[in-house]
Amino acid sequence: MIIIAARDFRDEEYQEPKTILEKAGVKVVVASTAAGTARGMFGMQVTPDTTVNEVNPAEFDAVVVVGGSGSQTYLWNNMHVHKIVQALHQRGCLVAAICISPVILAKVGLLNGKKATVFRTATTLNELEKGGALISNDPVVVDGKIITGRGPEAAKEFGRKIADNLLI
């Protein structure tokens, strides 16, 4: 499952991993915080398959949380997103987040003692530090079943790492 904000998700952080996963034969379900068309920061329009409040985490093997400025507004403190991420992590599933969305993983306690990367701002670095993350400047970091990507320039590598780890 890929989670995007209803507004201002980062287009390539959605499109690159989705394309890579689909080419690898992974069925991708897109969830957002609202029904109807979601809009990317650069104009991409996506019609989500479902909303985060309708998702049953038991039906998924992985979750990918896309970044973009809308992540802070719509995803960082969304309890449905938190529950999805926590439920999949507890089942030993793959949990991935890119750009500013690794903050969500920090907020729910998944990054304590884990190596992670994030799009670097004072706020994102502070949130990861509060969450106990071992912050890396690498474009993509894999620590067990958690994958984090630094930003749009890492979207392809992020997508490949997700596919590689899902298809093991």
C-alpha atoms as a PDB file:
ATOM      1  CA  MET A   1       0.000   0.000   0.000  1.00  0.00           C
ATOM      2  CA  ILE A   2       1.168   3.513  -0.788  1.00  0.00           C
ATOM      3  CA  ILE A   3      -0.126   6.349   1.382  1.00  0.00           C
ATOM      4  CA  ILE A   4      -0.265   9.866  -0.060  1.00  0.00           C
ATOM      5  CA  ALA A   5      -1.498  13.165   1.323  1.00  0.00           C
ATOM      6  CA  ALA A   6      -4.725  14.504  -0.191  1.00  0.00           C
ATOM      7  CA  ARG A   7      -2.824  17.613  -1.276  1.00  0.00           C
ATOM      8  CA  ASP A   8       0.831  18.351  -2.003  1.00  0.00           C
ATOM      9  CA  PHE A   9       2.326  14.871  -2.029  1.00  0.00           C
ATOM     10  CA  ARG A  10       5.645  14.750  -3.900  1.00  0.00           C
ATOM     11  CA  ASP A  11       4.827  13.499  -7.411  1.00  0.00           C
ATOM     12  CA  GLU A  12       8.011  11.548  -8.156  1.00  0.00           C
ATOM     13  CA  GLU A  13       8.166  10.013  -4.665  1.00  0.00           C
ATOM     14  CA  TYR A  14       4.788   8.485  -5.477  1.00  0.00           C
ATOM     15  CA  GLN A  15       5.280   7.656  -9.164  1.00  0.00           C
ATOM     16  CA  GLU A  16       8.798   6.163  -9.130  1.00  0.00           C
ATOM     17  CA  PRO A  17       8.245   3.559  -6.361  1.00  0.00           C
ATOM     18  CA  LYS A  18       4.760   2.720  -7.685  1.00  0.00           C
ATOM     19  CA  THR A  19       6.093   2.084 -11.198  1.00  0.00           C
ATOM     20  CA  ILE A  20       9.004  -0.023  -9.903  1.00  0.00           C
ATOM     21  CA  LEU A  21       6.734  -2.084  -7.644  1.00  0.00           C
ATOM     22  CA  GLU A  22       4.166  -2.696 -10.387  1.00  0.00           C
ATOM     23  CA  LYS A  23       6.880  -3.733 -12.859  1.00  0.00           C
ATOM     24  CA  ALA A  24       8.078  -6.214 -10.206  1.00  0.00           C
ATOM     25  CA  GLY A  25       4.578  -7.690 -10.084  1.00  0.00           C
ATOM     26  CA  VAL A  26       3.487  -6.132  -6.795  1.00  0.00           C
ATOM     27  CA  LYS A  27      -0.188  -5.169  -6.526  1.00  0.00           C
ATOM     28  CA  VAL A  28      -0.240  -1.566  -5.334  1.00  0.00           C
ATOM     29  CA  VAL A  29      -3.194  -0.067  -3.462  1.00  0.00           C
ATOM     30  CA  VAL A  30      -3.147   3.706  -3.007  1.00  0.00           C
ATOM     31  CA  ALA A  31      -4.651   5.201   0.149  1.00  0.00           C
ATOM     32  CA  SER A  32      -5.077   8.867   0.973  1.00  0.00           C
ATOM     33  CA  THR A  33      -6.507  10.978   3.746  1.00  0.00           C
ATOM     34  CA  ALA A  34      -9.592  11.916   1.748  1.00  0.00           C
ATOM     35  CA  ALA A  35     -11.752  10.424  -0.991  1.00  0.00           C
ATOM     36  CA  GLY A  36     -11.584  12.012  -4.399  1.00  0.00           C
ATOM     37  CA  THR A  37      -8.650  13.249  -6.422  1.00  0.00           C
ATOM     38  CA  ALA A  38      -5.357  13.800  -4.588  1.00  0.00           C
ATOM     39  CA  ARG A  39      -3.073  16.453  -6.050  1.00  0.00           C
ATOM     40  CA  GLY A  40       0.701  16.410  -6.095  1.00  0.00           C
ATOM     41  CA  MET A  41       2.971  19.385  -5.567  1.00  0.00           C
ATOM     42  CA  PHE A  42       3.657  19.542  -9.314  1.00  0.00           C
ATOM     43  CA  GLY A  43       0.140  18.900 -10.542  1.00  0.00           C
ATOM     44  CA  MET A  44      -0.072  15.099 -10.658  1.00  0.00           C
ATOM     45  CA  GLN A  45      -3.611  13.898 -10.026  1.00  0.00           C
ATOM     46  CA  VAL A  46      -4.237  10.523  -8.412  1.00  0.00           C
ATOM     47  CA  THR A  47      -7.534   8.886  -7.555  1.00  0.00           C
ATOM     48  CA  PRO A  48      -6.809   6.793  -4.460  1.00  0.00           C
ATOM     49  CA  ASP A  49      -8.254   3.293  -4.177  1.00  0.00           C
ATOM     50  CA  THR A  50      -9.288   3.921  -0.582  1.00  0.00           C
ATOM     51  CA  THR A  51      -8.893   6.255   2.373  1.00  0.00           C
ATOM     52  CA  VAL A  52      -6.604   5.624   5.341  1.00  0.00           C
ATOM     53  CA  ASN A  53      -9.587   5.362   7.702  1.00  0.00           C
ATOM     54  CA  GLU A  54     -10.990   2.457   5.602  1.00  0.00           C
ATOM     55  CA  VAL A  55      -7.729   0.462   5.419  1.00  0.00           C
ATOM     56  CA  ASN A  56      -7.506  -2.916   7.143  1.00  0.00           C
ATOM     57  CA  PRO A  57      -3.747  -3.261   7.807  1.00  0.00           C
ATOM     58  CA  ALA A  58      -4.087  -7.065   7.980  1.00  0.00           C
ATOM     59  CA  GLU A  59      -4.713  -7.080   4.214  1.00  0.00           C
ATOM     60  CA  PHE A  60      -1.267  -5.659   3.342  1.00  0.00           C
ATOM     61  CA  ASP A  61       2.336  -6.853   3.334  1.00  0.00           C
ATOM     62  CA  ALA A  62       3.969  -3.429   3.226  1.00  0.00           C
ATOM     63  CA  VAL A  63       3.274   0.269   3.563  1.00  0.00           C
ATOM     64  CA  VAL A  64       5.067   3.099   1.761  1.00  0.00           C
ATOM     65  CA  VAL A  65       4.452   6.661   2.957  1.00  0.00           C
ATOM     66  CA  VAL A  66       5.159   9.320   0.333  1.00  0.00           C
ATOM     67  CA  GLY A  67       6.574  12.713   1.247  1.00  0.00           C
ATOM     68  CA  GLY A  68       5.986  16.220  -0.009  1.00  0.00           C
ATOM     69  CA  SER A  69       4.841  19.273   1.925  1.00  0.00           C
ATOM     70  CA  GLY A  70       1.370  17.772   2.377  1.00  0.00           C
ATOM     71  CA  SER A  71       2.815  15.016   4.555  1.00  0.00           C
ATOM     72  CA  GLN A  72       3.276  17.383   7.488  1.00  0.00           C
ATOM     73  CA  THR A  73      -0.257  18.749   7.107  1.00  0.00           C
ATOM     74  CA  TYR A  74      -2.175  15.543   6.374  1.00  0.00           C
ATOM     75  CA  LEU A  75      -0.076  12.576   7.532  1.00  0.00           C
ATOM     76  CA  TRP A  76       2.299  13.391  10.404  1.00  0.00           C
ATOM     77  CA  ASN A  77      -0.382  13.403  13.084  1.00  0.00           C
ATOM     78  CA  ASN A  78      -3.061  11.294  11.392  1.00  0.00           C
ATOM     79  CA  MET A  79      -4.047   8.526  13.824  1.00  0.00           C
ATOM     80  CA  HIS A  80      -5.218   6.238  10.991  1.00  0.00           C
ATOM     81  CA  VAL A  81      -1.796   6.507   9.330  1.00  0.00           C
ATOM     82  CA  HIS A  82      -0.132   5.868  12.700  1.00  0.00           C
ATOM     83  CA  LYS A  83      -2.248   2.744  13.284  1.00  0.00           C
ATOM     84  CA  ILE A  84      -1.515   1.366   9.800  1.00  0.00           C
ATOM     85  CA  VAL A  85       2.241   1.860  10.161  1.00  0.00           C
ATOM     86  CA  GLN A  86       2.298   0.375  13.673  1.00  0.00           C
ATOM     87  CA  ALA A  87       0.119  -2.611  12.749  1.00  0.00           C
ATOM     88  CA  LEU A  88       2.251  -3.568   9.763  1.00  0.00           C
ATOM     89  CA  HIS A  89       5.473  -3.136  11.745  1.00  0.00           C
ATOM     90  CA  GLN A  90       4.127  -5.320  14.560  1.00  0.00           C
ATOM     91  CA  ARG A  91       3.400  -8.068  12.026  1.00  0.00           C
ATOM     92  CA  GLY A  92       6.983  -7.890  10.743  1.00  0.00           C
ATOM     93  CA  CYS A  93       5.986  -6.293   7.456  1.00  0.00           C
ATOM     94  CA  LEU A  94       8.004  -3.791   5.459  1.00  0.00           C
ATOM     95  CA  VAL A  95       7.486  -0.145   6.456  1.00  0.00           C
ATOM     96  CA  ALA A  96       8.934   2.581   4.213  1.00  0.00           C
ATOM     97  CA  ALA A  97       8.808   6.377   4.184  1.00  0.00           C
ATOM     98  CA  ILE A  98      10.512   9.034   2.068  1.00  0.00           C
ATOM     99  CA  CYS A  99      11.279  12.759   2.265  1.00  0.00           C
ATOM    100  CA  ILE A 100       9.664  14.273   5.382  1.00  0.00           C
ATOM    101  CA  SER A 101       7.470  11.221   6.020  1.00  0.00           C
ATOM    102  CA  PRO A 102      10.060   9.299   8.106  1.00  0.00           C
ATOM    103  CA  VAL A 103       8.896  11.725  10.820  1.00  0.00           C
ATOM    104  CA  ILE A 104       5.734   9.583  11.056  1.00  0.00           C
ATOM    105  CA  LEU A 105       7.851   6.521  11.818  1.00  0.00           C
ATOM    106  CA  ALA A 106       9.690   8.489  14.498  1.00  0.00           C
ATOM    107  CA  LYS A 107       6.430   9.757  16.015  1.00  0.00           C
ATOM    108  CA  VAL A 108       5.073   6.211  16.428  1.00  0.00           C
ATOM    109  CA  GLY A 109       8.304   4.890  17.949  1.00  0.00           C
ATOM    110  CA  LEU A 110       9.591   2.769  15.068  1.00  0.00           C
ATOM    111  CA  LEU A 111      12.928   4.557  14.643  1.00  0.00           C
ATOM    112  CA  ASN A 112      14.249   4.290  18.202  1.00  0.00           C
ATOM    113  CA  GLY A 113      17.768   2.894  17.797  1.00  0.00           C
ATOM    114  CA  LYS A 114      17.272   2.472  14.018  1.00  0.00           C
ATOM    115  CA  LYS A 115      19.357   4.009  11.263  1.00  0.00           C
ATOM    116  CA  ALA A 116      17.216   6.312   9.094  1.00  0.00           C
ATOM    117  CA  THR A 117      17.390   9.196   6.662  1.00  0.00           C
ATOM    118  CA  VAL A 118      15.046  12.129   6.073  1.00  0.00           C
ATOM    119  CA  PHE A 119      14.749  15.304   3.996  1.00  0.00           C
ATOM    120  CA  ARG A 120      16.764  17.572   6.235  1.00  0.00           C
ATOM    121  CA  THR A 121      15.069  20.528   7.873  1.00  0.00           C
ATOM    122  CA  ALA A 122      15.389  21.691  11.472  1.00  0.00           C
ATOM    123  CA  THR A 123      11.922  20.250  12.167  1.00  0.00           C
ATOM    124  CA  THR A 124      12.461  16.846  10.546  1.00  0.00           C
ATOM    125  CA  LEU A 125      15.853  16.357  12.172  1.00  0.00           C
ATOM    126  CA  ASN A 126      14.410  17.339  15.567  1.00  0.00           C
ATOM    127  CA  GLU A 127      11.520  14.877  15.169  1.00  0.00           C
ATOM    128  CA  LEU A 128      13.855  12.015  14.216  1.00  0.00           C
ATOM    129  CA  GLU A 129      16.160  12.848  17.131  1.00  0.00           C
ATOM    130  CA  LYS A 130      13.168  12.879  19.517  1.00  0.00           C
ATOM    131  CA  GLY A 131      12.198   9.478  18.111  1.00  0.00           C
ATOM    132  CA  GLY A 132      15.648   8.068  18.859  1.00  0.00           C
ATOM    133  CA  ALA A 133      16.724   7.587  15.239  1.00  0.00           C
ATOM    134  CA  LEU A 134      20.344   7.185  14.226  1.00  0.00           C
ATOM    135  CA  ILE A 135      20.277   9.806  11.470  1.00  0.00           C
ATOM    136  CA  SER A 136      22.147   9.072   8.250  1.00  0.00           C
ATOM    137  CA  ASN A 137      22.769  11.332   5.267  1.00  0.00           C
ATOM    138  CA  ASP A 138      22.596   8.383   2.858  1.00  0.00           C
ATOM    139  CA  PRO A 139      19.950   8.742   0.107  1.00  0.00           C
ATOM    140  CA  VAL A 140      18.249   5.485   1.139  1.00  0.00           C
ATOM    141  CA  VAL A 141      18.655   3.548   4.387  1.00  0.00           C
ATOM    142  CA  VAL A 142      17.511  -0.002   5.058  1.00  0.00           C
ATOM    143  CA  ASP A 143      17.469  -1.056   8.719  1.00  0.00           C
ATOM    144  CA  GLY A 144      15.746  -4.396   9.057  1.00  0.00           C
ATOM    145  CA  LYS A 145      12.181  -4.052   7.796  1.00  0.00           C
ATOM    146  CA  ILE A 146      12.326  -0.236   7.782  1.00  0.00           C
ATOM    147  CA  ILE A 147      13.339   1.685   4.656  1.00  0.00           C
ATOM    148  CA  THR A 148      13.726   5.459   4.587  1.00  0.00           C
ATOM    149  CA  GLY A 149      14.526   7.759   1.679  1.00  0.00           C
ATOM    150  CA  ARG A 150      15.941  11.266   1.877  1.00  0.00           C
ATOM    151  CA  GLY A 151      13.907  12.964  -0.846  1.00  0.00           C
ATOM    152  CA  PRO A 152      12.866  13.133  -4.490  1.00  0.00           C
ATOM    153  CA  GLU A 153      16.371  12.494  -5.821  1.00  0.00           C
ATOM    154  CA  ALA A 154      16.317   9.138  -4.034  1.00  0.00           C
ATOM    155  CA  ALA A 155      12.857   8.057  -5.264  1.00  0.00           C
ATOM    156  CA  LYS A 156      14.106   5.471  -7.791  1.00  0.00           C
ATOM    157  CA  GLU A 157      16.617   3.881  -5.408  1.00  0.00           C
ATOM    158  CA  PHE A 158      13.959   3.958  -2.662  1.00  0.00           C
ATOM    159  CA  GLY A 159      11.521   2.132  -4.954  1.00  0.00           C
ATOM    160  CA  ARG A 160      14.160  -0.470  -5.926  1.00  0.00           C
ATOM    161  CA  LYS A 161      15.057  -1.157  -2.280  1.00  0.00           C
ATOM    162  CA  ILE A 162      11.378  -1.658  -1.431  1.00  0.00           C
ATOM    163  CA  ALA A 163      10.923  -4.054  -4.360  1.00  0.00           C
ATOM    164  CA  ASP A 164      14.112  -5.949  -3.471  1.00  0.00           C
ATOM    165  CA  ASN A 165      13.064  -6.347   0.162  1.00  0.00           C
ATOM    166  CA  LEU A 166       9.485  -7.344  -0.682  1.00  0.00           C
ATOM    167  CA  LEU A 167      10.548  -9.985  -3.155  1.00  0.00           C
ATOM    168  CA  ILE A 168      13.138 -11.747  -0.968  1.00  0.00           C
END
